Amino acid sequence: MNPEIYLIRAYGRDDGFRCVPWGIISIASYLKKYGHKLLIADRKEGGYSLRRITREIRGRDIACVGVSAMTCQSQDAAFLCGHLKKMNKNIILGGLHYSIYPDEGLKIGDYVFKGEAEQSLLSFLQNGPAAKVYEPRPLLSLDDIPLPDEELMKRLYVNKSNFTIMTSRGCPYACSFCLDRKYRPDKIRYHSASYICDLMEMMNKSFGVAGFFIGDDVFTIKKNRAMEICGEIRKRGLKVTIGCFTHSGIDDLELYEEMKASGFSGVSLGVESGCDEVLQAMNKHQTVAQIRKTIEVIKKSGLRINVMFMVGNILETEDSLKATLALARELCLNGWVSYAQPFAGTAFREDCLKYGRIINNNPAAYWNDRISFVPNGLSTRRLRYYRDKIALTIKAPVNWTTKIISRIIG
């Protein structure tokens, strides 16, 4: 009989999307296809206390426990592993933080799996340990991952009005504040339209989910594929509302109109800055003029637009902040605004000390509503002033909230 595995998403103060832990869900679904028994737990949303996790592990024949964490969840991961070690279980570390800092993972666990781990973890379970640190083995076909079964999903918090799903892996862009490409595959891989609609249909019928948000970096990047998903939604008569991310420069009115007709109610657009020089420093591949044009096209389709701004980037000045505030007032759209964060594994992190100073030396405490980096010539007071002014302009709470994305899909 194959050993039983327990996978946990660690807790962290990361008030962004209320998204189920698709990383461990995908691994669990993939391993179950090959006969392994899986339990999953979500410390972030699911109410899984240490006592509950300990009780479940002791009550079953668990061979190893996997803990997944982003940097803001790494403190909880270390806390969990300290208790798991006392239970004499093999401890596996994964997720973004330990993909960047594998040595840190080996200090609190036995093995580290970097990046996409479905195939590498299956090999580990079938053949035994071959290394302490496993490199990523990205799946070429995402449809090889079965849909999550209902018993698996019942262990998680399901947001019925705004349930985030992932339809692809990868991004064609290389924004400086996002994970460097050396930590992620270059090739974008996609779930099929039928797979995505099967997932929506299952979540709608079994869990009453009426609103979905597609959490892909850029859902609209491949027109034919996005149109195919829209067509499949209409063919099945799915009565759902949907939101997603798009990117400046994707100005296809036909695409946005088809999205509107198939149940999409809004899109989210990363404006970031009202200054072309700052946008260029962010490697954002857009200009203020392109932003205006894309928004004009989207408005014609009838889709709502949610705009995202970011203050405190490299090359930020008082003048660039004034330009960003002016653009926010000009666009007159809802959205949210965050402070730029020097996350590990980003080009921003590598370059930021040339252009300013890091004032928060605890990476586990980095998040969108905290000032961690101050550009040269600016102060925390001025950053806070413009961030709050922009937040009021776009009707975003000054205090970060999980409720903003829900505006996209109503």
Protein backbone atom coordinates (compact mmCIF):
# COMPACT_ATOMS: atom_id res chain seq x y z
CA MET A 1 0.00 0.00 0.00
CA ASN A 2 1.30 3.45 -0.91
CA PRO A 3 2.18 5.74 2.01
CA GLU A 4 -0.18 8.51 3.07
CA ILE A 5 0.93 12.13 2.66
CA TYR A 6 -0.19 15.21 4.58
CA LEU A 7 0.26 18.57 2.79
CA ILE A 8 -0.10 21.91 4.61
CA ARG A 9 -0.12 25.52 3.47
CA ALA A 10 1.45 27.62 6.21
CA TYR A 11 -0.17 30.73 7.65
CA GLY A 12 1.03 34.24 6.88
CA ARG A 13 -0.11 37.82 7.15
CA ASP A 14 -0.77 38.05 3.40
CA ASP A 15 -4.08 39.84 2.93
CA GLY A 16 -4.40 39.55 -0.83
CA PHE A 17 -6.52 36.99 -2.61
CA ARG A 18 -8.60 34.63 -0.53
CA CYS A 19 -7.39 31.83 -2.75
CA VAL A 20 -7.39 28.13 -2.00
CA PRO A 21 -3.86 26.66 -2.00
CA TRP A 22 -3.69 25.48 -5.59
CA GLY A 23 -0.08 24.38 -5.21
CA ILE A 24 -0.84 21.63 -2.72
CA ILE A 25 -4.23 20.89 -4.32
CA SER A 26 -2.53 20.19 -7.66
CA ILE A 27 0.14 18.00 -6.04
CA ALA A 28 -2.49 16.09 -4.06
CA SER A 29 -4.67 15.54 -7.13
CA TYR A 30 -1.69 14.39 -9.19
CA LEU A 31 -0.41 11.96 -6.55
CA LYS A 32 -3.88 10.51 -5.95
CA LYS A 33 -3.96 9.57 -9.64
CA TYR A 34 -1.03 7.27 -8.91
CA GLY A 35 -2.62 5.61 -5.89
CA HIS A 36 -1.34 7.75 -3.03
CA LYS A 37 -3.58 8.82 -0.17
CA LEU A 38 -3.54 12.53 0.60
CA LEU A 39 -4.75 14.90 3.25
CA ILE A 40 -4.46 18.66 2.84
CA ALA A 41 -4.74 21.49 5.35
CA ASP A 42 -4.79 25.25 4.91
CA ARG A 43 -3.48 27.22 7.86
CA LYS A 44 -4.27 30.50 6.08
CA GLU A 45 -8.01 30.07 5.55
CA GLY A 46 -9.12 26.67 6.75
CA GLY A 47 -8.93 26.97 10.52
CA TYR A 48 -6.31 24.23 10.87
CA SER A 49 -4.80 24.75 14.29
CA LEU A 50 -1.65 22.99 15.38
CA ARG A 51 -3.77 20.84 17.68
CA ARG A 52 -6.04 19.75 14.84
CA ILE A 53 -3.12 18.97 12.51
CA THR A 54 -1.33 17.02 15.25
CA ARG A 55 -4.47 15.04 16.04
CA GLU A 56 -5.02 14.12 12.38
CA ILE A 57 -1.41 13.04 11.87
CA ARG A 58 -1.40 10.89 14.99
CA GLY A 59 -4.69 9.31 14.00
CA ARG A 60 -3.45 8.10 10.62
CA ASP A 61 -0.51 6.28 9.08
CA ILE A 62 1.22 9.38 7.69
CA ALA A 63 4.55 8.70 5.99
CA CYS A 64 5.62 12.29 5.45
CA VAL A 65 4.35 15.81 5.92
CA GLY A 66 4.83 18.57 3.35
CA VAL A 67 4.73 22.27 4.27
CA SER A 68 4.37 24.93 1.57
CA ALA A 69 5.15 28.58 2.23
CA MET A 70 5.67 31.94 0.62
CA THR A 71 8.16 34.21 2.37
CA CYS A 72 5.44 35.85 4.46
CA GLN A 73 4.43 32.35 5.63
CA SER A 74 7.93 31.10 6.43
CA GLN A 75 7.75 31.90 10.15
CA ASP A 76 4.69 29.69 10.52
CA ALA A 77 6.38 26.98 8.45
CA ALA A 78 9.33 26.97 10.86
CA PHE A 79 6.92 26.86 13.81
CA LEU A 80 5.09 23.87 12.31
CA CYS A 81 8.27 21.99 11.48
CA GLY A 82 9.52 22.41 15.03
CA HIS A 83 6.49 20.47 16.25
CA LEU A 84 6.48 17.96 13.38
CA LYS A 85 10.06 16.96 14.15
CA LYS A 86 8.92 15.78 17.58
CA MET A 87 6.54 13.39 15.82
CA ASN A 88 9.36 11.71 13.88
CA LYS A 89 7.85 12.35 10.47
CA ASN A 90 9.76 13.03 7.25
CA ILE A 91 9.32 16.75 6.59
CA ILE A 92 9.21 18.14 3.07
CA LEU A 93 9.44 21.87 2.37
CA GLY A 94 8.08 23.50 -0.77
CA GLY A 95 6.58 26.67 -2.10
CA LEU A 96 8.08 29.92 -3.27
CA HIS A 97 10.16 30.72 -0.18
CA TYR A 98 12.03 27.42 -0.06
CA SER A 99 12.48 27.38 -3.83
CA ILE A 100 14.59 30.52 -3.33
CA TYR A 101 16.11 29.54 0.02
CA PRO A 102 16.49 25.74 -0.06
CA ASP A 103 19.22 25.76 2.61
CA GLU A 104 16.81 27.45 4.99
CA GLY A 105 14.35 24.63 4.35
CA LEU A 106 16.93 21.98 5.16
CA LYS A 107 17.48 23.59 8.57
CA ILE A 108 13.89 22.84 9.58
CA GLY A 109 13.03 19.85 7.39
CA ASP A 110 14.46 16.82 5.63
CA TYR A 111 13.91 17.60 1.93
CA VAL A 112 13.17 20.63 -0.24
CA PHE A 113 11.22 20.54 -3.51
CA LYS A 114 11.75 23.62 -5.64
CA GLY A 115 9.18 25.02 -8.04
CA GLU A 116 6.58 22.74 -9.58
CA ALA A 117 6.82 19.52 -7.64
CA GLU A 118 4.15 17.13 -8.96
CA GLN A 119 6.57 14.94 -10.91
CA SER A 120 9.57 15.25 -8.61
CA LEU A 121 7.52 14.36 -5.51
CA LEU A 122 5.96 11.38 -7.30
CA SER A 123 9.45 10.12 -8.18
CA PHE A 124 10.54 10.62 -4.56
CA LEU A 125 7.61 8.55 -3.29
CA GLN A 126 8.02 5.81 -5.89
CA ASN A 127 11.81 5.46 -5.84
CA GLY A 128 12.92 6.80 -2.47
CA PRO A 129 15.18 9.78 -1.72
CA ALA A 130 17.79 10.64 -4.33
CA ALA A 131 18.78 14.08 -3.04
CA LYS A 132 18.11 16.59 -0.30
CA VAL A 133 17.04 19.32 -2.73
CA TYR A 134 14.92 18.51 -5.79
CA GLU A 135 14.90 20.80 -8.81
CA PRO A 136 11.61 21.72 -10.52
CA ARG A 137 10.13 19.36 -13.09
CA PRO A 138 7.38 21.38 -14.77
CA LEU A 139 4.46 19.52 -16.30
CA LEU A 140 4.13 20.07 -20.03
CA SER A 141 0.42 19.21 -20.02
CA LEU A 142 -1.49 20.73 -17.10
CA ASP A 143 -4.50 18.55 -17.89
CA ASP A 144 -2.43 15.63 -16.55
CA ILE A 145 -3.52 16.94 -13.14
CA PRO A 146 -6.97 15.50 -12.39
CA LEU A 147 -9.72 17.77 -11.16
CA PRO A 148 -9.66 17.94 -7.34
CA ASP A 149 -12.21 15.59 -5.86
CA GLU A 150 -14.97 16.90 -3.64
CA GLU A 151 -13.63 15.30 -0.45
CA LEU A 152 -10.36 17.17 -0.97
CA MET A 153 -12.12 20.50 -1.48
CA LYS A 154 -14.37 20.00 1.54
CA ARG A 155 -11.30 20.39 3.74
CA LEU A 156 -10.80 23.96 2.49
CA TYR A 157 -12.53 27.31 2.76
CA VAL A 158 -14.48 27.92 -0.46
CA ASN A 159 -15.39 31.51 -1.26
CA LYS A 160 -18.66 31.07 -3.16
CA SER A 161 -18.85 34.60 -4.51
CA ASN A 162 -15.21 34.99 -5.55
CA PHE A 163 -13.44 31.66 -6.00
CA THR A 164 -9.97 31.97 -7.53
CA ILE A 165 -8.91 29.38 -10.09
CA MET A 166 -5.74 29.02 -12.17
CA THR A 167 -6.01 28.21 -15.87
CA SER A 168 -2.32 28.43 -16.81
CA ARG A 169 1.21 28.54 -15.44
CA GLY A 170 3.77 31.07 -16.54
CA CYS A 171 3.93 34.66 -17.78
CA PRO A 172 5.54 36.23 -20.87
CA TYR A 173 6.54 39.36 -18.97
CA ALA A 174 9.42 39.92 -16.57
CA CYS A 175 8.37 42.79 -14.31
CA SER A 176 11.11 43.70 -11.84
CA PHE A 177 8.88 43.27 -8.80
CA CYS A 178 7.82 39.75 -9.79
CA LEU A 179 9.70 36.48 -9.41
CA ASP A 180 12.79 36.33 -11.60
CA ARG A 181 12.57 33.94 -14.54
CA LYS A 182 15.42 31.83 -13.21
CA TYR A 183 12.92 30.62 -10.60
CA ARG A 184 10.08 29.88 -13.03
CA PRO A 185 9.76 28.21 -16.44
CA ASP A 186 9.78 30.43 -19.52
CA LYS A 187 7.16 28.41 -21.35
CA ILE A 188 3.52 29.18 -20.58
CA ARG A 189 1.38 26.07 -20.21
CA TYR A 190 -2.40 26.01 -20.31
CA HIS A 191 -5.30 23.93 -19.10
CA SER A 192 -7.74 23.13 -21.88
CA ALA A 193 -11.04 24.97 -22.17
CA SER A 194 -12.94 21.79 -21.31
CA TYR A 195 -10.84 21.25 -18.16
CA ILE A 196 -11.47 24.81 -16.96
CA CYS A 197 -15.21 24.56 -17.59
CA ASP A 198 -15.34 21.14 -15.92
CA LEU A 199 -13.76 22.73 -12.86
CA MET A 200 -16.17 25.67 -12.88
CA GLU A 201 -19.12 23.34 -13.34
CA MET A 202 -18.01 21.09 -10.50
CA MET A 203 -17.47 24.00 -8.11
CA ASN A 204 -20.79 25.54 -9.13
CA LYS A 205 -22.88 22.39 -8.71
CA SER A 206 -21.16 20.86 -5.69
CA PHE A 207 -20.19 23.96 -3.71
CA GLY A 208 -22.53 26.67 -4.98
CA VAL A 209 -19.75 28.86 -6.38
CA ALA A 210 -21.34 31.62 -8.46
CA GLY A 211 -18.35 33.93 -8.95
CA PHE A 212 -14.86 33.02 -10.18
CA PHE A 213 -11.64 34.99 -10.46
CA ILE A 214 -8.98 33.68 -12.86
CA GLY A 215 -5.71 34.26 -11.03
CA ASP A 216 -3.41 33.75 -14.05
CA ASP A 217 -0.78 36.48 -14.43
CA VAL A 218 -2.43 37.55 -17.71
CA PHE A 219 -5.50 35.58 -18.80
CA THR A 220 -5.90 37.52 -22.07
CA ILE A 221 -2.39 36.93 -23.40
CA LYS A 222 -3.49 34.26 -25.91
CA LYS A 223 -6.62 35.44 -27.69
CA ASN A 224 -7.68 32.19 -29.39
CA ARG A 225 -7.44 30.25 -26.18
CA ALA A 226 -9.35 32.88 -24.16
CA MET A 227 -12.04 32.94 -26.87
CA GLU A 228 -12.26 29.15 -26.75
CA ILE A 229 -12.89 29.22 -23.00
CA CYS A 230 -15.55 31.87 -23.49
CA GLY A 231 -17.21 29.77 -26.16
CA GLU A 232 -17.20 26.69 -23.94
CA ILE A 233 -18.77 28.65 -21.09
CA ARG A 234 -21.57 29.81 -23.39
CA LYS A 235 -22.02 26.35 -24.91
CA ARG A 236 -22.55 24.84 -21.46
CA GLY A 237 -24.78 27.67 -20.34
CA LEU A 238 -22.76 28.25 -17.17
CA LYS A 239 -24.42 30.95 -15.09
CA VAL A 240 -21.38 32.44 -13.39
CA THR A 241 -19.59 35.79 -13.15
CA ILE A 242 -15.86 35.91 -13.83
CA GLY A 243 -12.97 38.33 -13.38
CA CYS A 244 -9.34 38.14 -14.52
CA PHE A 245 -6.11 40.05 -15.10
CA THR A 246 -5.23 41.68 -18.41
CA HIS A 247 -2.24 43.77 -19.49
CA SER A 248 -1.75 47.14 -21.12
CA GLY A 249 -1.30 46.73 -24.87
CA ILE A 250 -3.91 43.97 -25.18
CA ASP A 251 -6.41 46.16 -26.99
CA ASP A 252 -8.61 43.61 -28.74
CA LEU A 253 -12.21 44.83 -28.54
CA GLU A 254 -13.54 41.57 -30.04
CA LEU A 255 -11.94 39.59 -27.24
CA TYR A 256 -13.27 41.81 -24.48
CA GLU A 257 -16.76 41.80 -26.00
CA GLU A 258 -16.74 38.00 -26.17
CA MET A 259 -15.60 37.86 -22.55
CA LYS A 260 -18.46 40.17 -21.57
CA ALA A 261 -20.99 38.03 -23.46
CA SER A 262 -19.81 34.81 -21.76
CA GLY A 263 -20.06 35.97 -18.16
CA PHE A 264 -16.95 38.06 -17.50
CA SER A 265 -17.97 41.15 -15.59
CA GLY A 266 -14.62 42.85 -15.09
CA VAL A 267 -10.87 42.84 -15.59
CA SER A 268 -7.99 44.00 -13.44
CA LEU A 269 -5.16 46.04 -14.97
CA GLY A 270 -1.73 46.75 -13.49
CA VAL A 271 -1.29 50.48 -14.14
CA GLU A 272 1.38 50.76 -11.41
CA SER A 273 2.68 54.27 -12.16
CA GLY A 274 1.83 57.46 -14.03
CA CYS A 275 5.48 58.00 -14.97
CA ASP A 276 7.03 56.36 -18.04
CA GLU A 277 10.53 56.38 -16.52
CA VAL A 278 9.34 54.44 -13.46
CA LEU A 279 7.39 52.01 -15.66
CA GLN A 280 10.54 51.41 -17.69
CA ALA A 281 12.57 50.79 -14.53
CA MET A 282 9.93 48.24 -13.51
CA ASN A 283 10.39 46.50 -16.89
CA LYS A 284 6.63 46.77 -17.22
CA HIS A 285 6.56 46.88 -21.05
CA GLN A 286 3.97 49.63 -21.12
CA THR A 287 3.66 53.40 -21.27
CA VAL A 288 1.08 55.78 -19.84
CA ALA A 289 -0.25 56.32 -23.37
CA GLN A 290 -0.73 52.56 -23.81
CA ILE A 291 -2.50 52.36 -20.47
CA ARG A 292 -4.99 55.02 -21.55
CA LYS A 293 -5.63 53.27 -24.87
CA THR A 294 -6.19 49.83 -23.31
CA ILE A 295 -8.61 51.25 -20.76
CA GLU A 296 -10.52 53.03 -23.53
CA VAL A 297 -10.92 49.76 -25.45
CA ILE A 298 -12.02 47.80 -22.38
CA LYS A 299 -14.59 50.46 -21.51
CA LYS A 300 -16.16 50.07 -24.96
CA SER A 301 -16.75 46.38 -24.25
CA GLY A 302 -18.79 47.13 -21.14
CA LEU A 303 -16.44 45.30 -18.78
CA ARG A 304 -15.66 46.96 -15.48
CA ILE A 305 -12.03 47.85 -14.89
CA ASN A 306 -10.12 47.53 -11.65
CA VAL A 307 -6.77 49.36 -11.61
CA MET A 308 -3.71 48.51 -9.55
CA PHE A 309 -1.09 51.07 -8.54
CA MET A 310 2.28 50.66 -6.82
CA VAL A 311 4.27 53.39 -5.09
CA GLY A 312 7.89 53.42 -3.95
CA ASN A 313 9.57 51.78 -6.92
CA ILE A 314 13.08 52.29 -8.22
CA LEU A 315 13.49 55.82 -9.70
CA GLU A 316 10.41 57.02 -7.79
CA THR A 317 10.46 60.76 -7.05
CA GLU A 318 8.05 63.36 -5.75
CA ASP A 319 7.27 64.28 -9.37
CA SER A 320 6.57 60.66 -10.39
CA LEU A 321 4.28 60.22 -7.39
CA LYS A 322 2.41 63.40 -8.37
CA ALA A 323 2.05 62.00 -11.90
CA THR A 324 0.68 58.73 -10.56
CA LEU A 325 -1.85 60.53 -8.38
CA ALA A 326 -2.86 62.69 -11.37
CA LEU A 327 -3.35 59.58 -13.52
CA ALA A 328 -5.45 57.92 -10.83
CA ARG A 329 -7.69 61.01 -10.73
CA GLU A 330 -7.90 61.12 -14.53
CA LEU A 331 -8.87 57.45 -14.90
CA CYS A 332 -11.51 57.70 -12.16
CA LEU A 333 -11.67 53.92 -11.66
CA ASN A 334 -11.84 51.69 -8.61
CA GLY A 335 -8.86 49.63 -7.54
CA TRP A 336 -6.10 49.36 -5.00
CA VAL A 337 -2.60 50.58 -4.34
CA SER A 338 0.37 48.93 -2.66
CA TYR A 339 3.93 49.71 -1.66
CA ALA A 340 6.72 48.14 -3.73
CA GLN A 341 8.29 45.27 -1.83
CA PRO A 342 11.87 43.93 -2.19
CA PHE A 343 10.79 40.29 -2.30
CA ALA A 344 13.56 37.72 -2.58
CA GLY A 345 14.09 36.30 -6.04
CA THR A 346 13.12 39.52 -7.85
CA ALA A 347 15.19 41.89 -9.95
CA PHE A 348 13.81 44.67 -7.76
CA ARG A 349 15.49 43.11 -4.73
CA GLU A 350 18.82 42.79 -6.52
CA ASP A 351 18.84 46.43 -7.67
CA CYS A 352 17.00 48.34 -4.96
CA LEU A 353 20.01 49.20 -2.79
CA LYS A 354 21.46 51.18 -5.71
CA TYR A 355 18.41 53.42 -5.64
CA GLY A 356 17.36 53.63 -2.00
CA ARG A 357 17.33 51.77 1.31
CA ILE A 358 15.52 48.81 2.79
CA ILE A 359 13.98 49.76 6.15
CA ASN A 360 12.40 46.40 6.94
CA ASN A 361 14.93 43.62 7.34
CA ASN A 362 12.36 40.92 8.05
CA PRO A 363 11.29 39.45 4.67
CA ALA A 364 8.56 37.45 6.38
CA ALA A 365 6.88 40.77 7.22
CA TYR A 366 6.86 42.14 3.66
CA TRP A 367 3.40 42.81 2.30
CA ASN A 368 1.54 45.34 0.20
CA ASP A 369 0.42 47.68 3.00
CA ARG A 370 3.86 48.05 4.63
CA ILE A 371 6.73 50.28 3.61
CA SER A 372 9.85 48.15 3.27
CA PHE A 373 11.86 50.13 0.72
CA VAL A 374 12.36 53.92 0.50
CA PRO A 375 13.77 55.35 -2.77
CA ASN A 376 16.50 57.96 -2.63
CA GLY A 377 15.16 61.47 -2.07
CA LEU A 378 11.90 60.31 -0.51
CA SER A 379 10.72 59.56 3.02
CA THR A 380 8.26 57.12 4.51
CA ARG A 381 6.00 60.09 5.27
CA ARG A 382 5.84 61.16 1.61
CA LEU A 383 5.30 57.60 0.40
CA ARG A 384 2.46 57.16 2.86
CA TYR A 385 0.96 60.51 1.87
CA TYR A 386 0.77 59.62 -1.85
CA ARG A 387 -0.27 56.04 -1.25
CA ASP A 388 -3.19 57.21 0.90
CA LYS A 389 -4.15 59.94 -1.58
CA ILE A 390 -4.21 57.42 -4.44
CA ALA A 391 -6.17 54.95 -2.30
CA LEU A 392 -8.86 57.56 -1.61
CA THR A 393 -8.97 58.55 -5.28
CA ILE A 394 -9.60 54.99 -6.49
CA LYS A 395 -11.92 54.21 -3.57
CA ALA A 396 -9.53 51.68 -2.09
CA PRO A 397 -9.34 51.42 1.71
CA VAL A 398 -6.24 53.00 3.17
CA ASN A 399 -5.91 49.79 5.20
CA TRP A 400 -5.35 46.79 2.94
CA THR A 401 -8.36 44.52 2.61
CA THR A 402 -9.31 41.21 1.03
CA LYS A 403 -12.59 42.60 -0.24
CA ILE A 404 -11.32 44.69 -3.17
CA ILE A 405 -11.08 41.96 -5.79
CA SER A 406 -14.78 41.18 -5.28
CA ARG A 407 -15.55 44.50 -6.98
CA ILE A 408 -14.32 43.04 -10.26
CA ILE A 409 -16.94 40.33 -10.43
CA GLY A 410 -19.63 42.01 -8.36
